[in-house]
Amino acid sequence: MRAPTPAPTDSSSSPGWSTARSSHTWTTRCSHRWRPGTCVEVADNLPGRVLVRDTKDRTAGTLTFAPYPWRAFVADLTRH
């Protein structure tokens, strides 16, 4: 399954990228099965959106997804 398409945001010049500055809680999620040390930080406590960023380069940007496509993507990854 392909990764979900980022939801457009209005806080950036590039579609799908956000400079999220609202109140949110980041949690780290890592893949130990596919590639050790491959981690992302996810903020899924915001209404209507899920924010995702690289733990190794937090300044590179933040992807914004709608909750349902993000949950479906993660569910598909856990099944494989």
N, C-alpha and C. Protein backbone atom coordinates (compact mmCIF):
# COMPACT_ATOMS: atom_id res chain seq x y z
N MET A 1 0.84 -1.18 0.00
CA MET A 1 0.00 0.00 0.00
C MET A 1 0.88 1.24 0.00
N ARG A 2 0.49 2.22 -0.77
CA ARG A 2 1.23 3.49 -0.82
C ARG A 2 0.86 4.34 0.38
N ALA A 3 1.76 5.24 0.73
CA ALA A 3 1.49 6.18 1.81
C ALA A 3 0.33 7.08 1.43
N PRO A 4 -0.47 7.51 2.41
CA PRO A 4 -1.58 8.40 2.09
C PRO A 4 -1.06 9.72 1.55
N THR A 5 -1.86 10.35 0.73
CA THR A 5 -1.50 11.66 0.18
C THR A 5 -1.70 12.71 1.25
N PRO A 6 -0.71 13.57 1.49
CA PRO A 6 -0.87 14.60 2.50
C PRO A 6 -2.04 15.52 2.17
N ALA A 7 -2.74 15.93 3.22
CA ALA A 7 -3.84 16.88 3.06
C ALA A 7 -3.26 18.26 2.82
N PRO A 8 -3.89 19.05 1.96
CA PRO A 8 -3.39 20.40 1.74
C PRO A 8 -3.46 21.23 3.02
N THR A 9 -2.52 22.10 3.19
CA THR A 9 -2.53 23.00 4.34
C THR A 9 -2.46 24.43 3.82
N ASP A 10 -2.87 25.35 4.64
CA ASP A 10 -2.81 26.74 4.20
C ASP A 10 -1.70 27.50 4.91
N SER A 11 -0.80 26.79 5.56
CA SER A 11 0.28 27.47 6.28
C SER A 11 1.63 27.30 5.58
N SER A 12 1.61 26.90 4.31
CA SER A 12 2.87 26.66 3.62
C SER A 12 2.72 26.94 2.14
N SER A 13 3.84 27.09 1.47
CA SER A 13 3.80 27.32 0.03
C SER A 13 3.71 26.02 -0.76
N SER A 14 4.05 24.88 -0.16
CA SER A 14 3.99 23.60 -0.84
C SER A 14 2.82 22.79 -0.33
N PRO A 15 2.00 22.22 -1.22
CA PRO A 15 0.87 21.43 -0.76
C PRO A 15 1.33 20.25 0.09
N GLY A 16 0.64 20.03 1.21
CA GLY A 16 0.95 18.91 2.07
C GLY A 16 1.97 19.20 3.14
N TRP A 17 2.66 20.32 3.06
CA TRP A 17 3.65 20.65 4.09
C TRP A 17 3.10 21.73 4.99
N SER A 18 3.43 21.63 6.25
CA SER A 18 2.91 22.57 7.24
C SER A 18 4.01 22.96 8.20
N THR A 19 3.92 24.12 8.76
CA THR A 19 4.83 24.55 9.80
C THR A 19 4.07 24.55 11.12
N ALA A 20 3.35 23.51 11.39
CA ALA A 20 2.44 23.37 12.51
C ALA A 20 2.95 24.03 13.78
N ARG A 21 2.21 24.99 14.27
CA ARG A 21 2.61 25.71 15.46
C ARG A 21 1.55 25.65 16.55
N SER A 22 0.49 24.91 16.35
CA SER A 22 -0.55 24.83 17.36
C SER A 22 -0.16 23.83 18.43
N SER A 23 -0.95 23.75 19.48
CA SER A 23 -0.67 22.87 20.60
C SER A 23 -0.90 21.41 20.22
N HIS A 24 0.14 20.63 20.26
CA HIS A 24 0.04 19.22 19.94
C HIS A 24 1.11 18.45 20.70
N THR A 25 0.92 17.15 20.79
CA THR A 25 1.85 16.27 21.48
C THR A 25 2.46 15.31 20.49
N TRP A 26 3.78 15.31 20.40
CA TRP A 26 4.49 14.42 19.48
C TRP A 26 4.81 13.11 20.18
N THR A 27 4.59 11.99 19.48
CA THR A 27 5.03 10.68 19.95
C THR A 27 5.92 10.07 18.87
N THR A 28 6.92 9.33 19.27
CA THR A 28 7.85 8.72 18.33
C THR A 28 7.39 7.31 18.00
N ARG A 29 7.40 6.99 16.71
CA ARG A 29 7.04 5.65 16.25
C ARG A 29 8.17 5.16 15.35
N CYS A 30 8.68 3.98 15.67
CA CYS A 30 9.83 3.43 14.94
C CYS A 30 9.50 2.09 14.31
N SER A 31 10.19 1.81 13.22
CA SER A 31 10.09 0.51 12.56
C SER A 31 11.35 -0.27 12.88
N HIS A 32 11.20 -1.29 13.71
CA HIS A 32 12.34 -2.13 14.03
C HIS A 32 12.39 -3.34 13.11
N ARG A 33 11.28 -3.62 12.46
CA ARG A 33 11.21 -4.79 11.60
C ARG A 33 11.83 -4.52 10.23
N TRP A 34 11.53 -3.36 9.64
CA TRP A 34 11.99 -3.07 8.28
C TRP A 34 13.38 -2.47 8.24
N ARG A 35 13.59 -1.44 8.99
CA ARG A 35 14.89 -0.77 9.00
C ARG A 35 15.09 -0.16 10.39
N PRO A 36 15.93 -0.77 11.21
CA PRO A 36 16.15 -0.23 12.56
C PRO A 36 16.55 1.25 12.51
N GLY A 37 16.03 2.02 13.44
CA GLY A 37 16.35 3.43 13.50
C GLY A 37 15.51 4.31 12.59
N THR A 38 14.56 3.70 11.88
CA THR A 38 13.67 4.47 11.01
C THR A 38 12.49 4.94 11.85
N CYS A 39 12.50 6.19 12.22
CA CYS A 39 11.47 6.71 13.12
C CYS A 39 10.83 7.98 12.57
N VAL A 40 9.59 8.16 12.94
CA VAL A 40 8.88 9.41 12.68
C VAL A 40 8.24 9.85 13.98
N GLU A 41 7.95 11.13 14.06
CA GLU A 41 7.19 11.65 15.18
C GLU A 41 5.79 11.97 14.66
N VAL A 42 4.80 11.60 15.44
CA VAL A 42 3.41 11.76 15.02
C VAL A 42 2.65 12.54 16.09
N ALA A 43 1.91 13.54 15.66
CA ALA A 43 1.00 14.26 16.55
C ALA A 43 -0.41 13.96 16.06
N ASP A 44 -1.10 13.08 16.79
CA ASP A 44 -2.44 12.69 16.36
C ASP A 44 -3.52 13.11 17.35
N ASN A 45 -3.22 14.13 18.16
CA ASN A 45 -4.18 14.62 19.13
C ASN A 45 -4.86 15.92 18.70
N LEU A 46 -4.78 16.23 17.42
CA LEU A 46 -5.41 17.44 16.90
C LEU A 46 -6.69 17.08 16.15
N PRO A 47 -7.71 17.90 16.25
CA PRO A 47 -8.95 17.59 15.53
C PRO A 47 -8.77 17.71 14.02
N GLY A 48 -9.12 16.65 13.30
CA GLY A 48 -9.14 16.70 11.85
C GLY A 48 -7.83 16.59 11.13
N ARG A 49 -6.74 16.33 11.85
CA ARG A 49 -5.45 16.20 11.15
C ARG A 49 -4.45 15.41 12.00
N VAL A 50 -3.49 14.82 11.30
CA VAL A 50 -2.39 14.09 11.92
C VAL A 50 -1.11 14.68 11.33
N LEU A 51 -0.20 15.08 12.18
CA LEU A 51 1.07 15.66 11.74
C LEU A 51 2.17 14.61 11.84
N VAL A 52 3.06 14.57 10.85
CA VAL A 52 4.14 13.59 10.82
C VAL A 52 5.43 14.30 10.42
N ARG A 53 6.51 14.01 11.16
CA ARG A 53 7.82 14.59 10.81
C ARG A 53 8.92 13.57 11.08
N ASP A 54 10.06 13.77 10.45
CA ASP A 54 11.22 12.90 10.60
C ASP A 54 11.92 13.21 11.92
N THR A 55 12.22 12.18 12.72
CA THR A 55 12.89 12.42 13.99
C THR A 55 14.34 12.88 13.81
N LYS A 56 14.94 12.52 12.68
CA LYS A 56 16.34 12.89 12.45
C LYS A 56 16.50 14.29 11.89
N ASP A 57 15.44 14.85 11.32
CA ASP A 57 15.51 16.19 10.75
C ASP A 57 14.17 16.90 10.94
N ARG A 58 13.92 17.34 12.15
CA ARG A 58 12.64 17.98 12.49
C ARG A 58 12.42 19.29 11.74
N THR A 59 13.48 19.92 11.28
CA THR A 59 13.34 21.19 10.57
C THR A 59 13.00 21.01 9.10
N ALA A 60 12.99 19.78 8.61
CA ALA A 60 12.74 19.52 7.19
C ALA A 60 11.29 19.76 6.79
N GLY A 61 10.40 19.83 7.75
CA GLY A 61 9.00 20.07 7.45
C GLY A 61 8.11 19.04 8.13
N THR A 62 6.84 19.31 8.06
CA THR A 62 5.83 18.46 8.69
C THR A 62 4.77 18.13 7.66
N LEU A 63 4.46 16.85 7.54
CA LEU A 63 3.38 16.42 6.66
C LEU A 63 2.08 16.43 7.45
N THR A 64 1.00 16.82 6.81
CA THR A 64 -0.31 16.85 7.44
C THR A 64 -1.23 15.89 6.68
N PHE A 65 -1.85 14.97 7.43
CA PHE A 65 -2.76 13.99 6.84
C PHE A 65 -4.12 14.09 7.51
N ALA A 66 -5.15 13.72 6.78
CA ALA A 66 -6.47 13.55 7.38
C ALA A 66 -6.40 12.28 8.24
N PRO A 67 -7.12 12.22 9.35
CA PRO A 67 -7.01 11.07 10.26
C PRO A 67 -7.33 9.71 9.63
N TYR A 68 -8.40 9.61 8.85
CA TYR A 68 -8.78 8.30 8.32
C TYR A 68 -7.72 7.71 7.38
N PRO A 69 -7.22 8.44 6.39
CA PRO A 69 -6.17 7.87 5.54
C PRO A 69 -4.91 7.49 6.33
N TRP A 70 -4.56 8.28 7.33
CA TRP A 70 -3.39 7.95 8.14
C TRP A 70 -3.61 6.65 8.90
N ARG A 71 -4.77 6.50 9.54
CA ARG A 71 -5.06 5.26 10.29
C ARG A 71 -5.07 4.05 9.37
N ALA A 72 -5.65 4.21 8.16
CA ALA A 72 -5.67 3.10 7.20
C ALA A 72 -4.26 2.72 6.77
N PHE A 73 -3.41 3.70 6.54
CA PHE A 73 -2.02 3.46 6.16
C PHE A 73 -1.28 2.70 7.26
N VAL A 74 -1.41 3.16 8.50
CA VAL A 74 -0.74 2.51 9.63
C VAL A 74 -1.28 1.10 9.83
N ALA A 75 -2.59 0.92 9.71
CA ALA A 75 -3.18 -0.41 9.85
C ALA A 75 -2.63 -1.37 8.80
N ASP A 76 -2.50 -0.88 7.57
CA ASP A 76 -1.96 -1.71 6.50
C ASP A 76 -0.51 -2.10 6.79
N LEU A 77 0.27 -1.18 7.32
CA LEU A 77 1.67 -1.49 7.65
C LEU A 77 1.76 -2.55 8.74
N THR A 78 0.89 -2.50 9.72
CA THR A 78 0.95 -3.46 10.82
C THR A 78 0.50 -4.85 10.41
N ARG A 79 -0.25 -4.95 9.32
CA ARG A 79 -0.69 -6.27 8.83
C ARG A 79 0.41 -7.00 8.06
N HIS A 80 1.42 -6.29 7.61
CA HIS A 80 2.45 -6.91 6.77
C HIS A 80 3.71 -7.16 7.53
